[in-house]
Amino acid sequence: MDQQSGTKRPWEERVSEAGARLRNEFQDELQRVVSFIDTEVAPEVRRHGSTALRAAAARLQQLAEHMDDAKHSSPDGKPDGEAR
């Protein structure tokens, strides 16, 4: 490349054009993804997010009860404090 005149060799010009095309295609695709998330994904999460949270809360409640039961029992199945 001739630095003084600013001209590019043919292959450099092709690489530059390809890079610009890829940049534009990437930006277009990114805009489509953002639009899809805004129009399709976010509304679904808003509609069904509370249902998922309630299901997770119920499962966590069951897990907590199981942990409490295990904490109050000895390994041989007898409650703590009983004679062994």
C-alpha atoms as a PDB file:
ATOM      1  CA  MET A   1       0.000   0.000   0.000  1.00  0.00           C
ATOM      2  CA  ASP A   2       1.262   3.411  -0.883  1.00  0.00           C
ATOM      3  CA  GLN A   3       1.037   5.313   2.402  1.00  0.00           C
ATOM      4  CA  GLN A   4       1.693   8.752   0.885  1.00  0.00           C
ATOM      5  CA  SER A   5      -1.041   8.713  -1.743  1.00  0.00           C
ATOM      6  CA  GLY A   6      -3.543   6.732   0.345  1.00  0.00           C
ATOM      7  CA  THR A   7      -4.311   4.274  -2.451  1.00  0.00           C
ATOM      8  CA  LYS A   8      -5.011   0.636  -1.625  1.00  0.00           C
ATOM      9  CA  ARG A   9      -4.026  -2.475  -3.454  1.00  0.00           C
ATOM     10  CA  PRO A  10      -6.920  -4.413  -5.006  1.00  0.00           C
ATOM     11  CA  TRP A  11      -6.871  -7.164  -2.351  1.00  0.00           C
ATOM     12  CA  GLU A  12      -6.850  -4.592   0.452  1.00  0.00           C
ATOM     13  CA  GLU A  13      -9.877  -2.901  -1.086  1.00  0.00           C
ATOM     14  CA  ARG A  14     -11.720  -6.255  -1.298  1.00  0.00           C
ATOM     15  CA  VAL A  15     -10.896  -7.047   2.330  1.00  0.00           C
ATOM     16  CA  SER A  16     -12.092  -3.620   3.413  1.00  0.00           C
ATOM     17  CA  GLU A  17     -15.353  -3.989   1.447  1.00  0.00           C
ATOM     18  CA  ALA A  18     -15.934  -7.482   2.856  1.00  0.00           C
ATOM     19  CA  GLY A  19     -15.365  -6.171   6.386  1.00  0.00           C
ATOM     20  CA  ALA A  20     -17.855  -3.361   5.841  1.00  0.00           C
ATOM     21  CA  ARG A  21     -20.435  -5.822   4.446  1.00  0.00           C
ATOM     22  CA  LEU A  22     -19.967  -8.152   7.415  1.00  0.00           C
ATOM     23  CA  ARG A  23     -20.291  -5.253   9.845  1.00  0.00           C
ATOM     24  CA  ASN A  24     -23.539  -4.173   8.221  1.00  0.00           C
ATOM     25  CA  GLU A  25     -24.913  -7.732   8.162  1.00  0.00           C
ATOM     26  CA  PHE A  26     -23.988  -8.224  11.813  1.00  0.00           C
ATOM     27  CA  GLN A  27     -25.671  -4.961  12.808  1.00  0.00           C
ATOM     28  CA  ASP A  28     -28.817  -5.930  10.872  1.00  0.00           C
ATOM     29  CA  GLU A  29     -28.915  -9.374  12.480  1.00  0.00           C
ATOM     30  CA  LEU A  30     -28.356  -7.885  15.929  1.00  0.00           C
ATOM     31  CA  GLN A  31     -31.281  -5.519  15.366  1.00  0.00           C
ATOM     32  CA  ARG A  32     -33.485  -8.493  14.375  1.00  0.00           C
ATOM     33  CA  VAL A  33     -32.478 -10.391  17.530  1.00  0.00           C
ATOM     34  CA  VAL A  34     -33.203  -7.403  19.765  1.00  0.00           C
ATOM     35  CA  SER A  35     -36.555  -6.907  18.056  1.00  0.00           C
ATOM     36  CA  PHE A  36     -37.417 -10.602  18.516  1.00  0.00           C
ATOM     37  CA  ILE A  37     -36.550 -10.439  22.217  1.00  0.00           C
ATOM     38  CA  ASP A  38     -38.643  -7.298  22.663  1.00  0.00           C
ATOM     39  CA  THR A  39     -41.687  -8.572  20.769  1.00  0.00           C
ATOM     40  CA  GLU A  40     -41.679 -12.311  21.546  1.00  0.00           C
ATOM     41  CA  VAL A  41     -39.514 -13.248  24.528  1.00  0.00           C
ATOM     42  CA  ALA A  42     -40.090 -10.396  26.974  1.00  0.00           C
ATOM     43  CA  PRO A  43     -43.919 -10.550  26.824  1.00  0.00           C
ATOM     44  CA  GLU A  44     -43.835 -14.335  27.396  1.00  0.00           C
ATOM     45  CA  VAL A  45     -41.567 -13.899  30.401  1.00  0.00           C
ATOM     46  CA  ARG A  46     -43.913 -11.251  31.800  1.00  0.00           C
ATOM     47  CA  ARG A  47     -46.948 -13.503  31.273  1.00  0.00           C
ATOM     48  CA  HIS A  48     -45.445 -16.716  32.618  1.00  0.00           C
ATOM     49  CA  GLY A  49     -42.654 -15.501  34.897  1.00  0.00           C
ATOM     50  CA  SER A  50     -44.812 -15.447  38.009  1.00  0.00           C
ATOM     51  CA  THR A  51     -45.951 -19.017  37.341  1.00  0.00           C
ATOM     52  CA  ALA A  52     -42.347 -20.177  37.144  1.00  0.00           C
ATOM     53  CA  LEU A  53     -41.494 -18.313  40.340  1.00  0.00           C
ATOM     54  CA  ARG A  54     -44.421 -19.901  42.168  1.00  0.00           C
ATOM     55  CA  ALA A  55     -43.353 -23.377  41.036  1.00  0.00           C
ATOM     56  CA  ALA A  56     -39.776 -22.690  42.156  1.00  0.00           C
ATOM     57  CA  ALA A  57     -41.020 -21.371  45.509  1.00  0.00           C
ATOM     58  CA  ALA A  58     -43.117 -24.493  46.086  1.00  0.00           C
ATOM     59  CA  ARG A  59     -40.144 -26.718  45.280  1.00  0.00           C
ATOM     60  CA  LEU A  60     -37.895 -24.689  47.590  1.00  0.00           C
ATOM     61  CA  GLN A  61     -40.505 -25.033  50.351  1.00  0.00           C
ATOM     62  CA  GLN A  62     -40.448 -28.825  49.916  1.00  0.00           C
ATOM     63  CA  LEU A  63     -36.655 -28.827  50.015  1.00  0.00           C
ATOM     64  CA  ALA A  64     -36.617 -26.727  53.196  1.00  0.00           C
ATOM     65  CA  GLU A  65     -39.084 -29.097  54.858  1.00  0.00           C
ATOM     66  CA  HIS A  66     -36.963 -32.080  53.825  1.00  0.00           C
ATOM     67  CA  MET A  67     -33.856 -30.424  55.261  1.00  0.00           C
ATOM     68  CA  ASP A  68     -35.671 -29.625  58.511  1.00  0.00           C
ATOM     69  CA  ASP A  69     -36.887 -33.218  58.780  1.00  0.00           C
ATOM     70  CA  ALA A  70     -33.373 -34.530  58.198  1.00  0.00           C
ATOM     71  CA  LYS A  71     -31.920 -32.106  60.733  1.00  0.00           C
ATOM     72  CA  HIS A  72     -34.332 -33.324  63.447  1.00  0.00           C
ATOM     73  CA  SER A  73     -33.621 -36.992  62.815  1.00  0.00           C
ATOM     74  CA  SER A  74     -30.517 -38.986  63.590  1.00  0.00           C
ATOM     75  CA  PRO A  75     -28.934 -41.175  60.928  1.00  0.00           C
ATOM     76  CA  ASP A  76     -30.693 -44.255  62.343  1.00  0.00           C
ATOM     77  CA  GLY A  77     -34.103 -42.609  61.864  1.00  0.00           C
ATOM     78  CA  LYS A  78     -34.738 -41.761  65.560  1.00  0.00           C
ATOM     79  CA  PRO A  79     -35.447 -38.142  66.511  1.00  0.00           C
ATOM     80  CA  ASP A  80     -32.588 -36.337  68.260  1.00  0.00           C
ATOM     81  CA  GLY A  81     -32.680 -36.649  72.010  1.00  0.00           C
ATOM     82  CA  GLU A  82     -33.973 -40.242  72.173  1.00  0.00           C
ATOM     83  CA  ALA A  83     -31.920 -42.907  73.849  1.00  0.00           C
ATOM     84  CA  ARG A  84     -29.988 -45.011  71.423  1.00  0.00           C
END
